[in-house]
Amino acid sequence: MAPKHWLGLSLLVATPILAEEAPPAQSPLTYEEPTLDRDNPKPFGFKVEYGQNHASGKSSYLQRNGRLGTRYENGLDEVRLDADGSYLQSKGQTVDDRRHSFFGYDRYIGSRLWLFLLHDWESNKVVGLNYTQLSGAGVKLDIMRNATYGLNVGVAYLKRAKQTEFTANLVDANNQPYTEERVTTKDDKVVSARLKFNYNTELTRFALVSFYQPVTTKNVDPVSGVKKDDYSWSLESSLAYNMTKQIYLKYSYFYRFDSLQTAPGVSRDEEKTMLQLGYEY
């Protein structure tokens, strides 16, 4: 079986193998050292996904979503660029306007260690987030790495720029209510810890990634005005079924918790389930 790599995950493409040539089953602890692949016929890759999403927490509705991604790999270097978004209007109101992009570069330096650079940007004005962007560098350690299993942990030091905007309901000196548009902009330093696991067979791919990202100092909650710990925790898992060598069906679950609100009435939890049809080359 020949491995095809996508975003650090391995996808097995079925090829005819005689029974007497079948390799022994791999142990989860088998480690395959990354090496420079000068003869890779397809170092560049592309994927597109489109599907339906059910969201709850910050919002609850059915909506369409899309994602584009490109990658380059030569065995020791991995470059990825992804963009995804969702937009939906319901009864004349915009209920979702999320846009997200990610750029990452990973370089293997030996002894199971990788250095990486990343830039992550997100905007969702419906929940009061004009933008948030994370930029920085880190290191990750391979615990398992072969055609079937992958497990690594990493830590990064990031700079975060974040801007929130919301309407505050206030009372003046004469006890008369009024509203005021408020914008808060903050630059912070963030420590990001990540765990990533994947398991692949000829027909299916399972992936799980979790992030814990605390800010190094306390911040003022833009809604309550109280200084609190500022952190986020997220978990995303997906199961893809390979319908052909290029087309797959994927079911995903995403959960994120933010310690600070972005706007009054907005939940600090976000939960999504997604069913997508994808194509990759």
C-alpha atoms as a PDB file:
ATOM      1  CA  MET A   1       0.000   0.000   0.000  1.00  0.00           C
ATOM      2  CA  ALA A   2       1.328   3.392  -0.931  1.00  0.00           C
ATOM      3  CA  PRO A   3       0.929   6.307   1.515  1.00  0.00           C
ATOM      4  CA  LYS A   4      -0.460   9.633   0.387  1.00  0.00           C
ATOM      5  CA  HIS A   5       0.100  12.498   2.841  1.00  0.00           C
ATOM      6  CA  TRP A   6      -2.279  15.382   3.512  1.00  0.00           C
ATOM      7  CA  LEU A   7      -1.687  18.018   6.241  1.00  0.00           C
ATOM      8  CA  GLY A   8       0.488  15.665   8.240  1.00  0.00           C
ATOM      9  CA  LEU A   9      -2.112  12.851   8.115  1.00  0.00           C
ATOM     10  CA  SER A  10      -1.595   9.656   6.119  1.00  0.00           C
ATOM     11  CA  LEU A  11      -4.184   8.460   3.597  1.00  0.00           C
ATOM     12  CA  LEU A  12      -3.716   4.913   2.289  1.00  0.00           C
ATOM     13  CA  VAL A  13      -4.531   4.468  -1.376  1.00  0.00           C
ATOM     14  CA  ALA A  14      -5.455   0.912  -2.265  1.00  0.00           C
ATOM     15  CA  THR A  15      -3.023  -0.837  -4.633  1.00  0.00           C
ATOM     16  CA  PRO A  16      -3.033  -4.506  -5.592  1.00  0.00           C
ATOM     17  CA  ILE A  17      -0.856  -6.590  -3.247  1.00  0.00           C
ATOM     18  CA  LEU A  18      -0.379 -10.325  -3.579  1.00  0.00           C
ATOM     19  CA  ALA A  19      -1.108 -12.326  -0.444  1.00  0.00           C
ATOM     20  CA  GLU A  20       2.482 -13.505  -0.150  1.00  0.00           C
ATOM     21  CA  GLU A  21       3.705  -9.879  -0.449  1.00  0.00           C
ATOM     22  CA  ALA A  22       1.433  -8.435   2.257  1.00  0.00           C
ATOM     23  CA  PRO A  23       3.532  -6.623   4.886  1.00  0.00           C
ATOM     24  CA  PRO A  24       3.221  -7.567   8.553  1.00  0.00           C
ATOM     25  CA  ALA A  25       0.761  -5.577  10.633  1.00  0.00           C
ATOM     26  CA  GLN A  26       2.274  -2.378  11.986  1.00  0.00           C
ATOM     27  CA  SER A  27       2.520  -1.788  15.686  1.00  0.00           C
ATOM     28  CA  PRO A  28       1.087   1.521  16.946  1.00  0.00           C
ATOM     29  CA  LEU A  29       4.566   2.269  18.319  1.00  0.00           C
ATOM     30  CA  THR A  30       6.333   1.728  14.986  1.00  0.00           C
ATOM     31  CA  TYR A  31       8.129   4.928  14.044  1.00  0.00           C
ATOM     32  CA  GLU A  32       9.040   5.788  10.464  1.00  0.00           C
ATOM     33  CA  GLU A  33      11.722   8.469  10.345  1.00  0.00           C
ATOM     34  CA  PRO A  34      10.879  11.320   7.935  1.00  0.00           C
ATOM     35  CA  THR A  35      13.313  11.484   5.009  1.00  0.00           C
ATOM     36  CA  LEU A  36      13.723  13.762   2.019  1.00  0.00           C
ATOM     37  CA  ASP A  37      11.648  12.443  -0.894  1.00  0.00           C
ATOM     38  CA  ARG A  38      13.180  13.757  -4.107  1.00  0.00           C
ATOM     39  CA  ASP A  39      11.114  11.442  -6.328  1.00  0.00           C
ATOM     40  CA  ASN A  40       7.638  12.247  -5.003  1.00  0.00           C
ATOM     41  CA  PRO A  41       5.509  12.586  -8.168  1.00  0.00           C
ATOM     42  CA  LYS A  42       2.882  14.682  -6.348  1.00  0.00           C
ATOM     43  CA  PRO A  43       4.528  16.956  -3.769  1.00  0.00           C
ATOM     44  CA  PHE A  44       1.700  19.465  -4.188  1.00  0.00           C
ATOM     45  CA  GLY A  45      -1.866  18.765  -3.137  1.00  0.00           C
ATOM     46  CA  PHE A  46      -5.267  20.416  -3.211  1.00  0.00           C
ATOM     47  CA  LYS A  47      -8.606  19.744  -1.524  1.00  0.00           C
ATOM     48  CA  VAL A  48     -12.090  21.239  -1.460  1.00  0.00           C
ATOM     49  CA  GLU A  49     -14.914  20.423   0.977  1.00  0.00           C
ATOM     50  CA  TYR A  50     -18.558  21.488   0.960  1.00  0.00           C
ATOM     51  CA  GLY A  51     -21.356  20.490   3.276  1.00  0.00           C
ATOM     52  CA  GLN A  52     -23.931  21.187   5.959  1.00  0.00           C
ATOM     53  CA  ASN A  53     -23.262  22.338   9.496  1.00  0.00           C
ATOM     54  CA  HIS A  54     -25.480  22.273  12.576  1.00  0.00           C
ATOM     55  CA  ALA A  55     -24.285  24.758  15.191  1.00  0.00           C
ATOM     56  CA  SER A  56     -25.360  25.364  18.769  1.00  0.00           C
ATOM     57  CA  GLY A  57     -24.152  27.468  21.673  1.00  0.00           C
ATOM     58  CA  LYS A  58     -23.342  30.815  20.089  1.00  0.00           C
ATOM     59  CA  SER A  59     -26.015  30.077  17.505  1.00  0.00           C
ATOM     60  CA  SER A  60     -28.320  27.223  16.529  1.00  0.00           C
ATOM     61  CA  TYR A  61     -29.184  26.588  12.878  1.00  0.00           C
ATOM     62  CA  LEU A  62     -28.404  24.605   9.763  1.00  0.00           C
ATOM     63  CA  GLN A  63     -26.048  26.242   7.304  1.00  0.00           C
ATOM     64  CA  ARG A  64     -23.703  25.575   4.414  1.00  0.00           C
ATOM     65  CA  ASN A  65     -19.940  25.733   4.732  1.00  0.00           C
ATOM     66  CA  GLY A  66     -16.945  25.392   2.470  1.00  0.00           C
ATOM     67  CA  ARG A  67     -13.198  24.866   2.732  1.00  0.00           C
ATOM     68  CA  LEU A  68     -10.241  25.071   0.376  1.00  0.00           C
ATOM     69  CA  GLY A  69      -6.757  23.812   1.121  1.00  0.00           C
ATOM     70  CA  THR A  70      -3.360  23.417  -0.529  1.00  0.00           C
ATOM     71  CA  ARG A  71      -0.185  21.743   0.680  1.00  0.00           C
ATOM     72  CA  TYR A  72       3.405  20.992  -0.300  1.00  0.00           C
ATOM     73  CA  GLU A  73       5.458  18.136   1.187  1.00  0.00           C
ATOM     74  CA  ASN A  74       8.901  16.745   0.420  1.00  0.00           C
ATOM     75  CA  GLY A  75       9.306  14.478   3.451  1.00  0.00           C
ATOM     76  CA  LEU A  76      11.134  16.983   5.656  1.00  0.00           C
ATOM     77  CA  ASP A  77       9.174  20.157   4.887  1.00  0.00           C
ATOM     78  CA  GLU A  78       5.401  20.597   5.084  1.00  0.00           C
ATOM     79  CA  VAL A  79       3.659  23.782   3.939  1.00  0.00           C
ATOM     80  CA  ARG A  80      -0.119  24.210   4.322  1.00  0.00           C
ATOM     81  CA  LEU A  81      -2.575  26.951   3.435  1.00  0.00           C
ATOM     82  CA  ASP A  82      -6.276  26.583   4.292  1.00  0.00           C
ATOM     83  CA  ALA A  83      -9.280  28.880   4.048  1.00  0.00           C
ATOM     84  CA  ASP A  84     -12.825  28.152   5.161  1.00  0.00           C
ATOM     85  CA  GLY A  85     -15.971  30.085   5.836  1.00  0.00           C
ATOM     86  CA  SER A  86     -19.707  30.051   6.339  1.00  0.00           C
ATOM     87  CA  TYR A  87     -22.369  32.640   5.678  1.00  0.00           C
ATOM     88  CA  LEU A  88     -26.111  32.422   6.199  1.00  0.00           C
ATOM     89  CA  GLN A  89     -29.067  34.784   6.304  1.00  0.00           C
ATOM     90  CA  SER A  90     -32.330  33.772   7.944  1.00  0.00           C
ATOM     91  CA  LYS A  91     -35.523  35.856   7.906  1.00  0.00           C
ATOM     92  CA  GLY A  92     -33.600  38.878   6.636  1.00  0.00           C
ATOM     93  CA  GLN A  93     -30.920  38.688   9.330  1.00  0.00           C
ATOM     94  CA  THR A  94     -27.333  37.518   9.078  1.00  0.00           C
ATOM     95  CA  VAL A  95     -26.972  34.668  11.542  1.00  0.00           C
ATOM     96  CA  ASP A  96     -23.471  33.553  10.579  1.00  0.00           C
ATOM     97  CA  ASP A  97     -20.549  35.298   8.898  1.00  0.00           C
ATOM     98  CA  ARG A  98     -17.435  33.335   9.846  1.00  0.00           C
ATOM     99  CA  ARG A  99     -14.191  33.457   7.878  1.00  0.00           C
ATOM    100  CA  HIS A 100     -10.999  31.641   8.784  1.00  0.00           C
ATOM    101  CA  SER A 101      -7.564  31.053   7.266  1.00  0.00           C
ATOM    102  CA  PHE A 102      -4.442  29.188   8.351  1.00  0.00           C
ATOM    103  CA  PHE A 103      -0.841  29.100   7.119  1.00  0.00           C
ATOM    104  CA  GLY A 104       1.691  26.684   8.552  1.00  0.00           C
ATOM    105  CA  TYR A 105       5.258  25.590   7.823  1.00  0.00           C
ATOM    106  CA  ASP A 106       6.803  22.554   9.551  1.00  0.00           C
ATOM    107  CA  ARG A 107      10.450  21.466   9.311  1.00  0.00           C
ATOM    108  CA  TYR A 108      11.785  18.156  10.618  1.00  0.00           C
ATOM    109  CA  ILE A 109      15.043  18.617  12.550  1.00  0.00           C
ATOM    110  CA  GLY A 110      15.627  15.037  13.751  1.00  0.00           C
ATOM    111  CA  SER A 111      15.113  12.976  16.911  1.00  0.00           C
ATOM    112  CA  ARG A 112      11.316  13.056  16.311  1.00  0.00           C
ATOM    113  CA  LEU A 113      11.295  16.857  16.636  1.00  0.00           C
ATOM    114  CA  TRP A 114       9.752  19.401  14.278  1.00  0.00           C
ATOM    115  CA  LEU A 115       9.971  23.178  14.286  1.00  0.00           C
ATOM    116  CA  PHE A 116       6.980  25.068  12.939  1.00  0.00           C
ATOM    117  CA  LEU A 117       5.685  28.543  12.101  1.00  0.00           C
ATOM    118  CA  LEU A 118       2.009  29.446  11.901  1.00  0.00           C
ATOM    119  CA  HIS A 119      -0.424  32.279  11.279  1.00  0.00           C
ATOM    120  CA  ASP A 120      -4.114  31.788  12.104  1.00  0.00           C
ATOM    121  CA  TRP A 121      -6.806  34.401  11.382  1.00  0.00           C
ATOM    122  CA  GLU A 122     -10.546  34.363  12.145  1.00  0.00           C
ATOM    123  CA  SER A 123     -13.477  36.773  11.947  1.00  0.00           C
ATOM    124  CA  ASN A 124     -17.129  36.400  12.934  1.00  0.00           C
ATOM    125  CA  LYS A 125     -18.910  39.717  13.328  1.00  0.00           C
ATOM    126  CA  VAL A 126     -22.210  38.060  14.231  1.00  0.00           C
ATOM    127  CA  VAL A 127     -20.748  37.109  17.616  1.00  0.00           C
ATOM    128  CA  GLY A 128     -18.885  40.406  17.996  1.00  0.00           C
ATOM    129  CA  LEU A 129     -15.477  39.247  16.787  1.00  0.00           C
ATOM    130  CA  ASN A 130     -14.049  41.665  14.230  1.00  0.00           C
ATOM    131  CA  TYR A 131     -10.866  39.578  14.044  1.00  0.00           C
ATOM    132  CA  THR A 132      -8.405  37.530  15.994  1.00  0.00           C
ATOM    133  CA  GLN A 133      -5.048  36.450  14.648  1.00  0.00           C
ATOM    134  CA  LEU A 134      -2.328  34.249  16.127  1.00  0.00           C
ATOM    135  CA  SER A 135       1.251  34.318  14.848  1.00  0.00           C
ATOM    136  CA  GLY A 136       4.292  32.552  16.217  1.00  0.00           C
ATOM    137  CA  ALA A 137       6.549  29.511  16.352  1.00  0.00           C
ATOM    138  CA  GLY A 138       6.846  26.290  18.278  1.00  0.00           C
ATOM    139  CA  VAL A 139       8.114  22.728  18.437  1.00  0.00           C
ATOM    140  CA  LYS A 140       6.295  19.399  18.232  1.00  0.00           C
ATOM    141  CA  LEU A 141       7.332  15.849  19.119  1.00  0.00           C
ATOM    142  CA  ASP A 142       6.306  12.716  17.195  1.00  0.00           C
ATOM    143  CA  ILE A 143       5.243   9.907  19.518  1.00  0.00           C
ATOM    144  CA  MET A 144       3.885   7.635  16.776  1.00  0.00           C
ATOM    145  CA  ARG A 145       4.387   8.099  13.043  1.00  0.00           C
ATOM    146  CA  ASN A 146       3.723   5.509  10.354  1.00  0.00           C
ATOM    147  CA  ALA A 147       1.268   4.802   7.539  1.00  0.00           C
ATOM    148  CA  THR A 148      -1.486   3.794   9.995  1.00  0.00           C
ATOM    149  CA  TYR A 149      -0.958   5.729  13.225  1.00  0.00           C
ATOM    150  CA  GLY A 150       0.103   9.260  14.041  1.00  0.00           C
ATOM    151  CA  LEU A 151       0.393  10.969  17.408  1.00  0.00           C
ATOM    152  CA  ASN A 152       2.278  14.141  18.266  1.00  0.00           C
ATOM    153  CA  VAL A 153       2.245  16.833  20.921  1.00  0.00           C
ATOM    154  CA  GLY A 154       3.416  20.406  20.518  1.00  0.00           C
ATOM    155  CA  VAL A 155       3.811  23.733  22.233  1.00  0.00           C
ATOM    156  CA  ALA A 156       4.042  27.211  20.699  1.00  0.00           C
ATOM    157  CA  TYR A 157       4.578  30.789  21.815  1.00  0.00           C
ATOM    158  CA  LEU A 158       2.225  33.100  19.931  1.00  0.00           C
ATOM    159  CA  LYS A 159       1.319  36.754  19.599  1.00  0.00           C
ATOM    160  CA  ARG A 160      -2.436  37.356  19.495  1.00  0.00           C
ATOM    161  CA  ALA A 161      -4.168  40.439  18.132  1.00  0.00           C
ATOM    162  CA  LYS A 162      -7.897  40.528  18.894  1.00  0.00           C
ATOM    163  CA  GLN A 163     -10.666  43.050  18.337  1.00  0.00           C
ATOM    164  CA  THR A 164     -14.238  42.725  19.600  1.00  0.00           C
ATOM    165  CA  GLU A 165     -17.211  45.016  18.961  1.00  0.00           C
ATOM    166  CA  PHE A 166     -20.573  45.069  20.709  1.00  0.00           C
ATOM    167  CA  THR A 167     -23.496  47.271  21.757  1.00  0.00           C
ATOM    168  CA  ALA A 168     -23.587  48.174  25.476  1.00  0.00           C
ATOM    169  CA  ASN A 169     -26.927  49.001  27.116  1.00  0.00           C
ATOM    170  CA  LEU A 170     -26.279  51.782  29.657  1.00  0.00           C
ATOM    171  CA  VAL A 171     -28.116  54.239  31.908  1.00  0.00           C
ATOM    172  CA  ASP A 172     -27.218  57.962  32.042  1.00  0.00           C
ATOM    173  CA  ALA A 173     -27.140  60.324  35.050  1.00  0.00           C
ATOM    174  CA  ASN A 174     -30.882  60.911  34.720  1.00  0.00           C
ATOM    175  CA  ASN A 175     -31.543  57.164  34.816  1.00  0.00           C
ATOM    176  CA  GLN A 176     -32.414  57.148  31.111  1.00  0.00           C
ATOM    177  CA  PRO A 177     -31.358  54.102  29.094  1.00  0.00           C
ATOM    178  CA  TYR A 178     -29.125  54.512  26.058  1.00  0.00           C
ATOM    179  CA  THR A 179     -26.855  52.340  23.900  1.00  0.00           C
ATOM    180  CA  GLU A 180     -23.208  52.751  23.062  1.00  0.00           C
ATOM    181  CA  GLU A 181     -21.085  50.971  20.486  1.00  0.00           C
ATOM    182  CA  ARG A 182     -17.868  49.707  22.046  1.00  0.00           C
ATOM    183  CA  VAL A 183     -14.732  48.353  20.393  1.00  0.00           C
ATOM    184  CA  THR A 184     -11.935  46.680  22.329  1.00  0.00           C
ATOM    185  CA  THR A 185      -8.554  45.907  20.780  1.00  0.00           C
ATOM    186  CA  LYS A 186      -5.927  43.883  22.595  1.00  0.00           C
ATOM    187  CA  ASP A 187      -2.461  42.468  21.861  1.00  0.00           C
ATOM    188  CA  ASP A 188      -1.452  39.492  23.987  1.00  0.00           C
ATOM    189  CA  LYS A 189       1.100  36.720  24.310  1.00  0.00           C
ATOM    190  CA  VAL A 190      -0.372  33.211  24.222  1.00  0.00           C
ATOM    191  CA  VAL A 191       1.034  29.772  25.028  1.00  0.00           C
ATOM    192  CA  SER A 192      -0.527  27.078  22.832  1.00  0.00           C
ATOM    193  CA  ALA A 193      -0.435  23.376  23.736  1.00  0.00           C
ATOM    194  CA  ARG A 194      -1.660  20.840  21.174  1.00  0.00           C
ATOM    195  CA  LEU A 195      -2.309  17.101  20.940  1.00  0.00           C
ATOM    196  CA  LYS A 196      -2.984  15.506  17.554  1.00  0.00           C
ATOM    197  CA  PHE A 197      -3.887  11.891  16.740  1.00  0.00           C
ATOM    198  CA  ASN A 198      -4.826  10.135  13.517  1.00  0.00           C
ATOM    199  CA  TYR A 199      -5.628   6.571  12.475  1.00  0.00           C
ATOM    200  CA  ASN A 200      -5.919   5.560   8.820  1.00  0.00           C
ATOM    201  CA  THR A 201      -7.020   2.504   6.884  1.00  0.00           C
ATOM    202  CA  GLU A 202      -7.669   1.938   3.202  1.00  0.00           C
ATOM    203  CA  LEU A 203     -11.292   3.102   3.545  1.00  0.00           C
ATOM    204  CA  THR A 204     -11.411   5.390   6.573  1.00  0.00           C
ATOM    205  CA  ARG A 205      -9.460   8.198   8.242  1.00  0.00           C
ATOM    206  CA  PHE A 206      -9.978   9.302  11.821  1.00  0.00           C
ATOM    207  CA  ALA A 207      -8.391  12.479  13.199  1.00  0.00           C
ATOM    208  CA  LEU A 208      -8.552  14.251  16.545  1.00  0.00           C
ATOM    209  CA  VAL A 209      -6.850  17.501  17.552  1.00  0.00           C
ATOM    210  CA  SER A 210      -7.152  19.472  20.785  1.00  0.00           C
ATOM    211  CA  PHE A 211      -5.774  22.907  21.723  1.00  0.00           C
ATOM    212  CA  TYR A 212      -5.382  24.650  25.064  1.00  0.00           C
ATOM    213  CA  GLN A 213      -4.396  28.314  24.667  1.00  0.00           C
ATOM    214  CA  PRO A 214      -3.975  30.440  27.810  1.00  0.00           C
ATOM    215  CA  VAL A 215      -3.026  34.111  27.609  1.00  0.00           C
ATOM    216  CA  THR A 216       0.012  34.899  29.752  1.00  0.00           C
ATOM    217  CA  THR A 217      -1.787  37.743  31.602  1.00  0.00           C
ATOM    218  CA  LYS A 218      -5.352  38.352  32.795  1.00  0.00           C
ATOM    219  CA  ASN A 219      -7.638  40.451  30.605  1.00  0.00           C
ATOM    220  CA  VAL A 220     -10.735  42.547  31.179  1.00  0.00           C
ATOM    221  CA  ASP A 221     -13.924  40.852  30.042  1.00  0.00           C
ATOM    222  CA  PRO A 222     -15.282  43.284  27.397  1.00  0.00           C
ATOM    223  CA  VAL A 223     -18.849  42.638  28.586  1.00  0.00           C
ATOM    224  CA  SER A 224     -18.604  42.538  32.403  1.00  0.00           C
ATOM    225  CA  GLY A 225     -15.558  44.816  32.762  1.00  0.00           C
ATOM    226  CA  VAL A 226     -14.017  42.364  35.260  1.00  0.00           C
ATOM    227  CA  LYS A 227     -10.414  41.209  34.861  1.00  0.00           C
ATOM    228  CA  LYS A 228     -10.349  37.429  34.388  1.00  0.00           C
ATOM    229  CA  ASP A 229      -8.163  34.582  33.163  1.00  0.00           C
ATOM    230  CA  ASP A 230      -8.225  34.598  29.363  1.00  0.00           C
ATOM    231  CA  TYR A 231      -7.966  31.194  27.713  1.00  0.00           C
ATOM    232  CA  SER A 232      -9.623  28.911  25.206  1.00  0.00           C
ATOM    233  CA  TRP A 233      -9.926  25.148  24.825  1.00  0.00           C
ATOM    234  CA  SER A 234     -11.008  23.381  21.664  1.00  0.00           C
ATOM    235  CA  LEU A 235     -11.513  19.851  20.391  1.00  0.00           C
ATOM    236  CA  GLU A 236     -12.142  18.729  16.829  1.00  0.00           C
ATOM    237  CA  SER A 237     -12.596  15.170  15.587  1.00  0.00           C
ATOM    238  CA  SER A 238     -13.495  13.817  12.170  1.00  0.00           C
ATOM    239  CA  LEU A 239     -14.161  10.510  10.457  1.00  0.00           C
ATOM    240  CA  ALA A 240     -13.785  10.345   6.677  1.00  0.00           C
ATOM    241  CA  TYR A 241     -14.844   7.520   4.366  1.00  0.00           C
ATOM    242  CA  ASN A 242     -12.932   7.205   1.088  1.00  0.00           C
ATOM    243  CA  MET A 243     -15.535   6.705  -1.625  1.00  0.00           C
ATOM    244  CA  THR A 244     -12.834   6.790  -4.341  1.00  0.00           C
ATOM    245  CA  LYS A 245      -9.143   7.706  -4.400  1.00  0.00           C
ATOM    246  CA  GLN A 246     -10.081  11.397  -4.602  1.00  0.00           C
ATOM    247  CA  ILE A 247     -13.637  11.711  -3.212  1.00  0.00           C
ATOM    248  CA  TYR A 248     -14.566  11.228   0.438  1.00  0.00           C
ATOM    249  CA  LEU A 249     -17.456  11.783   2.830  1.00  0.00           C
ATOM    250  CA  LYS A 250     -16.544  13.318   6.197  1.00  0.00           C
ATOM    251  CA  TYR A 251     -18.379  13.754   9.483  1.00  0.00           C
ATOM    252  CA  SER A 252     -16.846  16.213  11.970  1.00  0.00           C
ATOM    253  CA  TYR A 253     -17.495  17.435  15.487  1.00  0.00           C
ATOM    254  CA  PHE A 254     -16.096  20.703  16.866  1.00  0.00           C
ATOM    255  CA  TYR A 255     -16.275  22.210  20.353  1.00  0.00           C
ATOM    256  CA  ARG A 256     -14.644  25.361  21.739  1.00  0.00           C
ATOM    257  CA  PHE A 257     -14.857  27.172  25.045  1.00  0.00           C
ATOM    258  CA  ASP A 258     -13.690  30.786  25.514  1.00  0.00           C
ATOM    259  CA  SER A 259     -13.264  32.095  29.046  1.00  0.00           C
ATOM    260  CA  LEU A 260     -14.260  35.650  27.984  1.00  0.00           C
ATOM    261  CA  GLN A 261     -17.390  36.678  26.129  1.00  0.00           C
ATOM    262  CA  THR A 262     -17.166  38.664  22.902  1.00  0.00           C
ATOM    263  CA  ALA A 263     -20.573  40.384  23.210  1.00  0.00           C
ATOM    264  CA  PRO A 264     -23.590  40.491  25.567  1.00  0.00           C
ATOM    265  CA  GLY A 265     -25.828  37.466  25.195  1.00  0.00           C
ATOM    266  CA  VAL A 266     -23.187  35.467  23.331  1.00  0.00           C
ATOM    267  CA  SER A 267     -22.374  32.060  24.803  1.00  0.00           C
ATOM    268  CA  ARG A 268     -18.785  31.212  25.672  1.00  0.00           C
ATOM    269  CA  ASP A 269     -19.359  27.734  24.209  1.00  0.00           C
ATOM    270  CA  GLU A 270     -19.441  26.873  20.533  1.00  0.00           C
ATOM    271  CA  GLU A 271     -20.417  23.442  19.225  1.00  0.00           C
ATOM    272  CA  LYS A 272     -20.741  22.273  15.635  1.00  0.00           C
ATOM    273  CA  THR A 273     -21.396  19.030  13.785  1.00  0.00           C
ATOM    274  CA  MET A 274     -20.588  18.941  10.080  1.00  0.00           C
ATOM    275  CA  LEU A 275     -21.267  16.553   7.203  1.00  0.00           C
ATOM    276  CA  GLN A 276     -19.120  17.319   4.162  1.00  0.00           C
ATOM    277  CA  LEU A 277     -18.316  15.927   0.763  1.00  0.00           C
ATOM    278  CA  GLY A 278     -14.674  16.406  -0.168  1.00  0.00           C
ATOM    279  CA  TYR A 279     -12.313  16.066  -3.107  1.00  0.00           C
ATOM    280  CA  GLU A 280      -8.537  15.993  -2.841  1.00  0.00           C
ATOM    281  CA  TYR A 281      -5.713  15.635  -5.285  1.00  0.00           C
END
